[in-house]
Each structure stands twice: as structure tokens, then as C-alpha cells.
Amino acid sequence: MRWLLVFSGLIMSGIWVDLKAEQRPPELQAGQSILVVDQTLTSTGWNPAPEGQVQTFEQKLAGNQLSSLASCSGTGAGYCRYDYQRSNKRLVVVTVPAPQPNQAGRVARWWMESVTLNPAH
């Protein structure tokens, strides 16, 4: 019986660690190319999840056709937002233009938000 309790505790601890890991944002770094970040995120289970349709001018400002592109600012610093989702978490990645015009945007900041899942869909 004692072994069963120990074994159960180990299993529960492992599950708890996995649940805690799901709550942490992925390891990103400021200055990374959004193309590299997108490839890393999609290969680790994050799905592109913009809430609306992006405009053609936003794709032009972003300089890419990534399906995670949610929006781009037409003025100022040229921020672009990319949205990803895994389970009930949304990851928002904001980029700034790269130093060279022919390069992809660079990660400026990121954060996670909780998403309410709709069981009807």
C-alpha cells in the first residue's frame, strides 16, 4: 500500500509539472526573427490564431504572409502583432521592423492570455 501511495504521488507530481509548464510562455528572445519564432512555435504545438482577417497593407507592412499575423500599425514604430493558441492559452508576439528592409520583423515583446474555450464549436 505504501508503494502505491509513493507511486501515485510521483505520477501526480509529474502531471503537476506538466500543467505548470503549460502556463509559462515559450522561450523567446527580443530581436529574434518572426520567421524563426513562427517555425519554432508551430512545431511545438502553437497554432496561428488571429481573431480577424488582416488587410493587404498589413501584410505588406509585415513583409511576410504568416497566417498568425493579426495586425500591423500603419504609423509610428511599425509594430505588428502575431497571435498563436494552444489549449486555452493565447500567445501574443509583437514585432518591430528589421534594420534591413528585406528582412522579417524582429520580436519586441510577447505575453500570454487566457482564452475561454467555447464547447459549442
N, C-alpha and C. Protein backbone atom coordinates (compact mmCIF):
# COMPACT_ATOMS: atom_id res chain seq x y z
N MET A 1 0.82 -1.20 0.00
CA MET A 1 0.00 0.00 0.00
C MET A 1 0.87 1.27 0.00
N ARG A 2 1.95 1.22 0.79
CA ARG A 2 2.83 2.37 0.87
C ARG A 2 3.43 2.68 -0.50
N TRP A 3 3.82 1.66 -1.27
CA TRP A 3 4.39 1.86 -2.60
C TRP A 3 3.37 2.48 -3.54
N LEU A 4 2.12 2.09 -3.38
CA LEU A 4 1.06 2.66 -4.21
C LEU A 4 0.93 4.16 -3.96
N LEU A 5 1.00 4.56 -2.70
CA LEU A 5 0.92 5.98 -2.37
C LEU A 5 2.12 6.75 -2.93
N VAL A 6 3.30 6.18 -2.80
CA VAL A 6 4.51 6.83 -3.32
C VAL A 6 4.41 6.95 -4.84
N PHE A 7 4.04 5.87 -5.49
CA PHE A 7 3.91 5.87 -6.95
C PHE A 7 2.87 6.89 -7.41
N SER A 8 1.73 6.92 -6.72
CA SER A 8 0.68 7.89 -7.06
C SER A 8 1.18 9.32 -6.90
N GLY A 9 1.93 9.55 -5.83
CA GLY A 9 2.48 10.88 -5.61
C GLY A 9 3.44 11.30 -6.71
N LEU A 10 4.26 10.37 -7.17
CA LEU A 10 5.19 10.68 -8.26
C LEU A 10 4.45 10.99 -9.55
N ILE A 11 3.42 10.22 -9.83
CA ILE A 11 2.63 10.47 -11.03
C ILE A 11 1.97 11.84 -10.95
N MET A 12 1.37 12.14 -9.81
CA MET A 12 0.70 13.43 -9.66
C MET A 12 1.70 14.57 -9.75
N SER A 13 2.89 14.40 -9.21
CA SER A 13 3.92 15.44 -9.30
C SER A 13 4.30 15.70 -10.74
N GLY A 14 4.46 14.65 -11.52
CA GLY A 14 4.79 14.79 -12.93
C GLY A 14 3.70 15.50 -13.69
N ILE A 15 2.48 15.17 -13.40
CA ILE A 15 1.35 15.83 -14.05
C ILE A 15 1.33 17.30 -13.66
N TRP A 16 1.57 17.60 -12.39
CA TRP A 16 1.56 18.98 -11.93
C TRP A 16 2.65 19.79 -12.63
N VAL A 17 3.82 19.20 -12.80
CA VAL A 17 4.91 19.89 -13.50
C VAL A 17 4.50 20.19 -14.94
N ASP A 18 3.86 19.21 -15.62
CA ASP A 18 3.41 19.43 -16.99
C ASP A 18 2.38 20.55 -17.06
N LEU A 19 1.46 20.59 -16.09
CA LEU A 19 0.45 21.65 -16.09
C LEU A 19 1.10 23.01 -15.86
N LYS A 20 2.07 23.08 -14.97
CA LYS A 20 2.75 24.34 -14.72
C LYS A 20 3.53 24.79 -15.95
N ALA A 21 4.13 23.86 -16.66
CA ALA A 21 4.88 24.20 -17.87
C ALA A 21 3.96 24.79 -18.93
N GLU A 22 2.74 24.30 -19.00
CA GLU A 22 1.77 24.80 -19.98
C GLU A 22 1.42 26.26 -19.70
N GLN A 23 1.55 26.70 -18.44
CA GLN A 23 1.20 28.06 -18.05
C GLN A 23 2.29 29.07 -18.38
N ARG A 24 3.51 28.59 -18.60
CA ARG A 24 4.63 29.50 -18.88
C ARG A 24 4.68 29.83 -20.37
N PRO A 25 5.06 31.06 -20.69
CA PRO A 25 5.24 31.39 -22.11
C PRO A 25 6.45 30.67 -22.67
N PRO A 26 6.46 30.43 -23.97
CA PRO A 26 7.62 29.77 -24.58
C PRO A 26 8.87 30.65 -24.46
N GLU A 27 10.01 30.02 -24.61
CA GLU A 27 11.29 30.73 -24.53
C GLU A 27 11.52 31.52 -25.82
N LEU A 28 11.25 32.79 -25.77
CA LEU A 28 11.51 33.68 -26.90
C LEU A 28 12.57 34.69 -26.47
N GLN A 29 13.15 35.36 -27.45
CA GLN A 29 14.14 36.39 -27.15
C GLN A 29 13.85 37.62 -27.99
N ALA A 30 13.99 38.77 -27.37
CA ALA A 30 13.85 40.01 -28.13
C ALA A 30 14.91 40.03 -29.22
N GLY A 31 14.50 40.47 -30.41
CA GLY A 31 15.42 40.55 -31.53
C GLY A 31 15.37 39.35 -32.47
N GLN A 32 14.69 38.27 -32.06
CA GLN A 32 14.57 37.11 -32.94
C GLN A 32 13.72 37.44 -34.15
N SER A 33 14.01 36.81 -35.27
CA SER A 33 13.20 36.95 -36.47
C SER A 33 11.84 36.30 -36.25
N ILE A 34 10.77 36.95 -36.66
CA ILE A 34 9.44 36.37 -36.52
C ILE A 34 9.32 35.09 -37.34
N LEU A 35 10.08 34.97 -38.41
CA LEU A 35 10.03 33.75 -39.22
C LEU A 35 10.57 32.55 -38.44
N VAL A 36 11.64 32.76 -37.70
CA VAL A 36 12.21 31.70 -36.86
C VAL A 36 11.26 31.38 -35.71
N VAL A 37 10.73 32.42 -35.07
CA VAL A 37 9.80 32.23 -33.96
C VAL A 37 8.56 31.48 -34.42
N ASP A 38 8.01 31.86 -35.56
CA ASP A 38 6.82 31.20 -36.09
C ASP A 38 7.08 29.71 -36.31
N GLN A 39 8.20 29.39 -36.90
CA GLN A 39 8.54 27.99 -37.17
C GLN A 39 8.69 27.21 -35.86
N THR A 40 9.34 27.81 -34.87
CA THR A 40 9.52 27.16 -33.57
C THR A 40 8.18 26.94 -32.88
N LEU A 41 7.34 27.98 -32.87
CA LEU A 41 6.06 27.87 -32.18
C LEU A 41 5.15 26.83 -32.83
N THR A 42 5.03 26.88 -34.15
CA THR A 42 4.14 25.94 -34.82
C THR A 42 4.64 24.50 -34.70
N SER A 43 5.94 24.31 -34.60
CA SER A 43 6.47 22.95 -34.45
C SER A 43 6.33 22.42 -33.02
N THR A 44 5.99 23.31 -32.08
CA THR A 44 5.81 22.88 -30.69
C THR A 44 4.35 22.97 -30.24
N GLY A 45 3.44 22.98 -31.20
CA GLY A 45 2.02 22.88 -30.86
C GLY A 45 1.24 24.17 -30.78
N TRP A 46 1.87 25.30 -31.04
CA TRP A 46 1.15 26.57 -31.07
C TRP A 46 0.58 26.76 -32.47
N ASN A 47 -0.70 27.06 -32.54
CA ASN A 47 -1.38 27.24 -33.83
C ASN A 47 -1.63 28.71 -34.11
N PRO A 48 -1.45 29.16 -35.34
CA PRO A 48 -1.80 30.55 -35.69
C PRO A 48 -3.26 30.80 -35.34
N ALA A 49 -3.54 31.93 -34.69
CA ALA A 49 -4.91 32.18 -34.23
C ALA A 49 -5.27 33.65 -34.22
N PRO A 50 -5.09 34.37 -35.34
CA PRO A 50 -5.54 35.77 -35.35
C PRO A 50 -7.07 35.80 -35.27
N GLU A 51 -7.61 36.83 -34.63
CA GLU A 51 -9.06 36.90 -34.44
C GLU A 51 -9.80 37.41 -35.66
N GLY A 52 -9.13 38.08 -36.54
CA GLY A 52 -9.81 38.63 -37.71
C GLY A 52 -8.97 38.47 -38.96
N GLN A 53 -9.49 39.01 -40.04
CA GLN A 53 -8.79 38.98 -41.32
C GLN A 53 -7.87 40.19 -41.41
N VAL A 54 -6.61 39.96 -41.76
CA VAL A 54 -5.68 41.09 -41.90
C VAL A 54 -5.88 41.75 -43.26
N GLN A 55 -5.57 43.01 -43.31
CA GLN A 55 -5.67 43.78 -44.54
C GLN A 55 -4.40 43.59 -45.37
N THR A 56 -4.51 43.82 -46.65
CA THR A 56 -3.37 43.68 -47.56
C THR A 56 -2.23 44.60 -47.15
N PHE A 57 -2.55 45.83 -46.75
CA PHE A 57 -1.49 46.77 -46.36
C PHE A 57 -0.75 46.27 -45.12
N GLU A 58 -1.45 45.53 -44.24
CA GLU A 58 -0.79 44.99 -43.04
C GLU A 58 0.21 43.90 -43.42
N GLN A 59 -0.16 43.06 -44.37
CA GLN A 59 0.77 42.03 -44.84
C GLN A 59 1.99 42.67 -45.49
N LYS A 60 1.75 43.76 -46.21
CA LYS A 60 2.86 44.47 -46.85
C LYS A 60 3.78 45.08 -45.80
N LEU A 61 3.19 45.69 -44.76
CA LEU A 61 4.00 46.26 -43.68
C LEU A 61 4.79 45.18 -42.95
N ALA A 62 4.15 44.03 -42.74
CA ALA A 62 4.82 42.93 -42.03
C ALA A 62 5.93 42.32 -42.87
N GLY A 63 5.78 42.37 -44.18
CA GLY A 63 6.78 41.80 -45.07
C GLY A 63 6.77 40.29 -45.12
N ASN A 64 5.63 39.68 -44.74
CA ASN A 64 5.51 38.22 -44.80
C ASN A 64 4.05 37.83 -44.96
N GLN A 65 3.83 36.57 -45.18
CA GLN A 65 2.48 36.03 -45.37
C GLN A 65 2.12 35.06 -44.25
N LEU A 66 2.67 35.24 -43.06
CA LEU A 66 2.40 34.31 -41.96
C LEU A 66 0.93 34.35 -41.59
N SER A 67 0.34 33.18 -41.40
CA SER A 67 -1.08 33.11 -41.07
C SER A 67 -1.37 33.53 -39.63
N SER A 68 -0.34 33.73 -38.82
CA SER A 68 -0.51 34.19 -37.45
C SER A 68 -0.61 35.71 -37.35
N LEU A 69 -0.35 36.42 -38.44
CA LEU A 69 -0.40 37.89 -38.42
C LEU A 69 -1.81 38.35 -38.07
N ALA A 70 -1.92 39.16 -37.02
CA ALA A 70 -3.21 39.67 -36.57
C ALA A 70 -3.42 41.11 -37.00
N SER A 71 -2.36 41.93 -36.94
CA SER A 71 -2.49 43.34 -37.34
C SER A 71 -1.12 43.99 -37.37
N CYS A 72 -1.06 45.13 -38.06
CA CYS A 72 0.14 45.97 -38.09
C CYS A 72 -0.29 47.42 -37.96
N SER A 73 0.53 48.19 -37.26
CA SER A 73 0.29 49.61 -37.13
C SER A 73 0.78 50.32 -38.39
N GLY A 74 -0.06 51.16 -38.93
CA GLY A 74 0.31 51.89 -40.14
C GLY A 74 1.12 53.13 -39.86
N THR A 75 1.30 53.47 -38.60
CA THR A 75 2.05 54.68 -38.23
C THR A 75 3.04 54.36 -37.13
N GLY A 76 3.89 55.30 -36.84
CA GLY A 76 4.81 55.15 -35.71
C GLY A 76 5.90 54.14 -35.95
N ALA A 77 6.14 53.30 -34.94
CA ALA A 77 7.27 52.36 -34.98
C ALA A 77 7.05 51.17 -35.89
N GLY A 78 5.85 50.98 -36.39
CA GLY A 78 5.59 49.87 -37.31
C GLY A 78 5.42 48.53 -36.61
N TYR A 79 4.80 48.55 -35.43
CA TYR A 79 4.57 47.32 -34.70
C TYR A 79 3.63 46.40 -35.47
N CYS A 80 3.89 45.09 -35.41
CA CYS A 80 2.98 44.07 -35.94
C CYS A 80 2.71 43.06 -34.83
N ARG A 81 1.48 42.55 -34.82
CA ARG A 81 1.06 41.59 -33.80
C ARG A 81 0.77 40.25 -34.46
N TYR A 82 1.26 39.18 -33.82
CA TYR A 82 1.04 37.81 -34.28
C TYR A 82 0.40 37.04 -33.12
N ASP A 83 -0.67 36.30 -33.41
CA ASP A 83 -1.39 35.55 -32.37
C ASP A 83 -1.28 34.05 -32.61
N TYR A 84 -1.06 33.32 -31.52
CA TYR A 84 -0.98 31.86 -31.54
C TYR A 84 -1.84 31.33 -30.40
N GLN A 85 -2.30 30.10 -30.55
CA GLN A 85 -3.09 29.49 -29.48
C GLN A 85 -2.71 28.03 -29.31
N ARG A 86 -2.69 27.61 -28.05
CA ARG A 86 -2.51 26.20 -27.69
C ARG A 86 -3.36 25.98 -26.45
N SER A 87 -4.25 25.01 -26.54
CA SER A 87 -5.21 24.75 -25.46
C SER A 87 -5.98 26.03 -25.18
N ASN A 88 -6.02 26.43 -23.92
CA ASN A 88 -6.77 27.64 -23.57
C ASN A 88 -5.85 28.85 -23.36
N LYS A 89 -4.70 28.85 -24.02
CA LYS A 89 -3.76 29.97 -23.91
C LYS A 89 -3.52 30.60 -25.27
N ARG A 90 -3.53 31.92 -25.29
CA ARG A 90 -3.18 32.68 -26.49
C ARG A 90 -1.83 33.33 -26.22
N LEU A 91 -0.94 33.20 -27.19
CA LEU A 91 0.36 33.84 -27.12
C LEU A 91 0.36 34.98 -28.12
N VAL A 92 0.67 36.18 -27.64
CA VAL A 92 0.74 37.37 -28.48
C VAL A 92 2.21 37.74 -28.63
N VAL A 93 2.65 37.89 -29.87
CA VAL A 93 4.03 38.28 -30.16
C VAL A 93 3.99 39.58 -30.95
N VAL A 94 4.71 40.59 -30.48
CA VAL A 94 4.75 41.90 -31.14
C VAL A 94 6.15 42.09 -31.73
N THR A 95 6.18 42.52 -32.99
CA THR A 95 7.46 42.74 -33.66
C THR A 95 7.63 44.20 -34.05
N VAL A 96 8.86 44.56 -34.30
CA VAL A 96 9.22 45.85 -34.89
C VAL A 96 9.93 45.55 -36.21
N PRO A 97 9.97 46.52 -37.12
CA PRO A 97 10.66 46.26 -38.39
C PRO A 97 12.14 45.94 -38.18
N ALA A 98 12.66 45.10 -39.06
CA ALA A 98 14.09 44.75 -39.02
C ALA A 98 14.91 45.93 -39.51
N PRO A 99 16.19 45.97 -39.16
CA PRO A 99 17.06 47.06 -39.62
C PRO A 99 17.15 47.15 -41.15
N GLN A 100 17.11 46.01 -41.81
CA GLN A 100 17.17 45.97 -43.27
C GLN A 100 15.77 45.76 -43.83
N PRO A 101 15.38 46.47 -44.86
CA PRO A 101 14.03 46.37 -45.39
C PRO A 101 13.65 44.98 -45.92
N ASN A 102 14.61 44.18 -46.35
CA ASN A 102 14.28 42.88 -46.91
C ASN A 102 14.30 41.75 -45.87
N GLN A 103 14.38 42.10 -44.59
CA GLN A 103 14.38 41.11 -43.52
C GLN A 103 13.03 41.11 -42.80
N ALA A 104 12.73 39.99 -42.15
CA ALA A 104 11.47 39.87 -41.40
C ALA A 104 11.55 40.69 -40.12
N GLY A 105 10.38 41.03 -39.58
CA GLY A 105 10.31 41.77 -38.33
C GLY A 105 11.00 41.03 -37.19
N ARG A 106 11.38 41.79 -36.18
CA ARG A 106 12.07 41.24 -35.02
C ARG A 106 11.17 41.32 -33.79
N VAL A 107 11.23 40.30 -32.96
CA VAL A 107 10.41 40.24 -31.76
C VAL A 107 10.79 41.38 -30.82
N ALA A 108 9.79 42.12 -30.38
CA ALA A 108 10.00 43.20 -29.41
C ALA A 108 9.52 42.77 -28.01
N ARG A 109 8.34 42.12 -27.97
CA ARG A 109 7.78 41.64 -26.69
C ARG A 109 6.74 40.58 -26.96
N TRP A 110 6.33 39.89 -25.91
CA TRP A 110 5.33 38.83 -26.03
C TRP A 110 4.69 38.62 -24.67
N TRP A 111 3.49 38.05 -24.67
CA TRP A 111 2.78 37.71 -23.44
C TRP A 111 1.73 36.65 -23.75
N MET A 112 1.22 36.05 -22.67
CA MET A 112 0.17 35.04 -22.82
C MET A 112 -1.11 35.55 -22.18
N GLU A 113 -2.23 35.13 -22.75
CA GLU A 113 -3.55 35.46 -22.25
C GLU A 113 -4.35 34.17 -22.14
N SER A 114 -5.31 34.15 -21.22
CA SER A 114 -6.22 33.01 -21.14
C SER A 114 -7.32 33.19 -22.17
N VAL A 115 -7.76 32.07 -22.74
CA VAL A 115 -8.82 32.08 -23.75
C VAL A 115 -9.95 31.22 -23.23
N THR A 116 -11.16 31.72 -23.32
CA THR A 116 -12.32 30.92 -22.96
C THR A 116 -12.68 30.05 -24.15
N LEU A 117 -12.64 28.74 -23.93
CA LEU A 117 -12.98 27.82 -25.00
C LEU A 117 -14.48 27.66 -25.07
N ASN A 118 -15.02 27.71 -26.28
CA ASN A 118 -16.45 27.57 -26.49
C ASN A 118 -16.75 26.11 -26.82
N PRO A 119 -17.38 25.36 -25.89
CA PRO A 119 -17.63 23.95 -26.14
C PRO A 119 -18.65 23.69 -27.25
N ALA A 120 -19.39 24.71 -27.67
CA ALA A 120 -20.40 24.53 -28.71
C ALA A 120 -19.77 24.35 -30.08
N HIS A 121 -18.50 24.76 -30.24
CA HIS A 121 -17.83 24.65 -31.56
C HIS A 121 -16.90 23.51 -31.61
